[in-house]
Amino acid sequence: MDAPHVFEGQVDHQSSNNSPINPILQTNSKENFFSKRSSDLSPQVTTFWQANLAGWIIIALFGIFSRVAFFGDWAYALFMAGISDTFGFLLTCGVHLAVRRWLHWPVSAVRMVPLAVLLAFAGGLVQMLLAHQARLHFPSGADMPDSFNPAVPPLIYYTAVFLVWALAYFWLGTDRAARNERLRHSDARSAAARAELEQLRLQLDPHFLFNSLNTVTGEIYDRPAVALEMTRRIAGYLRYLLDRQGQPVCWLAEEIEAVSAYLRIQELRYERVIRCTVAMDEDAGQFPVPHLILQGLVENAVKHGLRPSAATQLHIDLRARMEEGRLVVTVANQGRLGSRGHRRGVGLANIRRRLALHFPDRHALVLSQEGELVVARLILQAPICFA
């Protein structure tokens, strides 16, 4: 077995696949979670013009065969269909343009039905007059029974056609408007959630920086060399944060390297040695997680594990594995889960809210006492939201 990767003899860092993870500051920012995301492709939507043209072609074919069956004259059927149905297509296109300009969607049923009936009857009257003029100008005319009134069929037929067209048009238009409104509400909620996630993420940086600068201030006079080294390490860690600014999600392997960099800073904060063991399944390293999601758990382990009265070394054990398609991360340290461990601070509240937004109903974060250890267990199930 290869020797574990050791950070200056203080923090042990080893992986379950016996290979050390690359140092965080050498991570190629181009080879991260975002470089492997595929762009979304919008589906092609049939336009009104295509649907309207196809519909009137079907109506024209039906009209031609109906006239041939009734009058027995193909020339007359083609002539009447060419004039009436072409005019019907143009008329419905004009109605569409007028509705787009003057009518506000969605349209209620109380307004939709009377408007559809009115437009259908008006269209039927216009088609009746047009059919009468077309018959007068047809070269040979068509044989009709003596009792047949030529004005009635166009009025009834095209009124029915326009009524079906108008009801379908207003129903589909109203449905589309309602769907667009739901999408706008969904986009607004997503934007609000992303803004909240960014605000939560930004809370972590000042929180960490505040604690670190307080530590540096306390070491300047007593241990200036330690204070200088800590300042350098804080600068390197902040550079990592800046390099990933605006990226809410990263791979677990990158997140564990961030935790290791954080522990390299904390080992200088205390005179006693902090020892951390990291064991991670190879496939777990490619699981997407929220950026800095583990820092709060490790920070709590350091804060509550290092007790002034205890002379023992603090050992933090961080493990990550995949179980039935779910990521399971545990952070364990010596201590007792008492009132101090249940305090609500920025760290845990921040973690819980971010998990609720990134993994709604697909996450669990539990703190438990297991013998002499306090264990924080994080369970995540893909997919991740707002990546």
Foldseek 3Di string as FASTA:
>chain_A
DDAFDDDVPFATEAAQVRDDFDFLLPDDPCPWDVVPDDDDDDDDDDDPLVVLVVVLVVVLVVQQVVCCVAQVDNVVSNQLSVQLSVVVSVVVVVVVVVCVVPPDDQDDPVPQQVVQLVVLQVSLQVSLVVSVVSQVPDDPHTDDDPPDDSSPVSNVVSSVVSSVVSNVVNVVRNVVVVVVVVVVVVVVVLVVLVVVLLVLVVVVVVVLVVVLVVLLVVCCVPPVVLSVVLVVLVVSLVVSCVSCPPPQKTFVSSQVSSLVSVVVNVCSSDPAGEYEYEYEDPVSRRAMDTHNLCVLVVVLQVVQQDDPVDPDYKYWYWYWDDDPQKIKIKIKIFDDCDPVVPDDDSRVVSNVSSCCSFAPVFKDWDWDDDPRMIMTMIIGHDDTPPD
